[in-house]
C-alpha atoms as a PDB file:
ATOM      1  CA  ASP A   1     158.624 129.023 197.630  1.00  0.00           C
ATOM      2  CA  GLU A   2     161.750 130.242 199.391  1.00  0.00           C
ATOM      3  CA  ASP A   3     160.246 133.686 199.896  1.00  0.00           C
ATOM      4  CA  ASP A   4     157.138 132.163 201.463  1.00  0.00           C
ATOM      5  CA  GLY A   5     159.281 130.084 203.827  1.00  0.00           C
ATOM      6  CA  ASN A   6     161.343 133.090 204.875  1.00  0.00           C
ATOM      7  CA  GLY A   7     158.184 135.120 205.425  1.00  0.00           C
ATOM      8  CA  GLU A   8     156.831 132.495 207.792  1.00  0.00           C
ATOM      9  CA  GLU A   9     160.135 132.367 209.666  1.00  0.00           C
ATOM     10  CA  ASP A  10     160.236 136.154 210.000  1.00  0.00           C
ATOM     11  CA  GLN A  11     156.671 136.185 211.318  1.00  0.00           C
ATOM     12  CA  GLY A  12     157.550 133.497 213.872  1.00  0.00           C
ATOM     13  CA  LEU A  13     160.608 135.446 215.033  1.00  0.00           C
ATOM     14  CA  ARG A  14     158.562 138.634 215.298  1.00  0.00           C
ATOM     15  CA  ILE A  15     155.937 136.895 217.461  1.00  0.00           C
ATOM     16  CA  SER A  16     158.643 135.416 219.687  1.00  0.00           C
ATOM     17  CA  GLU A  17     160.224 138.867 220.083  1.00  0.00           C
ATOM     18  CA  GLU A  18     156.875 140.396 221.068  1.00  0.00           C
ATOM     19  CA  GLU A  19     156.242 137.578 223.549  1.00  0.00           C
ATOM     20  CA  ARG A  20     159.713 138.029 225.077  1.00  0.00           C
ATOM     21  CA  ILE A  21     159.186 141.782 225.466  1.00  0.00           C
ATOM     22  CA  GLN A  22     155.772 141.217 227.046  1.00  0.00           C
ATOM     23  CA  GLU A  23     157.259 138.697 229.491  1.00  0.00           C
ATOM     24  CA  GLU A  24     159.991 141.185 230.445  1.00  0.00           C
ATOM     25  CA  GLU A  25     157.389 143.916 231.041  1.00  0.00           C
ATOM     26  CA  GLU A  26     155.355 141.563 233.243  1.00  0.00           C
ATOM     27  CA  ALA A  27     158.504 140.606 235.173  1.00  0.00           C
ATOM     28  CA  ASP A  28     159.351 144.290 235.673  1.00  0.00           C
ATOM     29  CA  GLU A  29     155.862 144.854 237.109  1.00  0.00           C
ATOM     30  CA  LEU A  30     156.335 141.939 239.516  1.00  0.00           C
ATOM     31  CA  TYR A  31     159.711 143.303 240.646  1.00  0.00           C
ATOM     32  CA  ARG A  32     158.193 146.766 241.175  1.00  0.00           C
ATOM     33  CA  ASP A  33     155.421 145.240 243.304  1.00  0.00           C
ATOM     34  CA  VAL A  34     157.993 143.364 245.404  1.00  0.00           C
ATOM     35  CA  ASP A  35     160.137 146.489 245.863  1.00  0.00           C
ATOM     36  CA  PHE A  36     157.044 148.507 246.781  1.00  0.00           C
ATOM     37  CA  ASN A  37     155.920 145.925 249.339  1.00  0.00           C
ATOM     38  CA  GLN A  38     159.428 145.694 250.814  1.00  0.00           C
ATOM     39  CA  GLY A  39     159.580 149.484 251.050  1.00  0.00           C
ATOM     40  CA  ARG A  40     156.260 149.574 252.899  1.00  0.00           C
ATOM     41  CA  GLY A  41     157.469 146.823 255.220  1.00  0.00           C
ATOM     42  CA  LEU A  42     160.600 148.810 256.076  1.00  0.00           C
ATOM     43  CA  GLN A  43     158.575 151.969 256.677  1.00  0.00           C
ATOM     44  CA  VAL A  44     156.105 150.150 258.944  1.00  0.00           C
ATOM     45  CA  SER A  45     158.880 148.567 260.990  1.00  0.00           C
END
């Protein structure tokens, strides 16, 4: 029973880790878009 409980906990932690990494990747993409747009704005002006 203990092994089953630990297995479920490990799976939950693994999913949370994957979700956190995915969120960070999405945030990085947003920051890149902002930097790119700011760079274009500076070049235009």
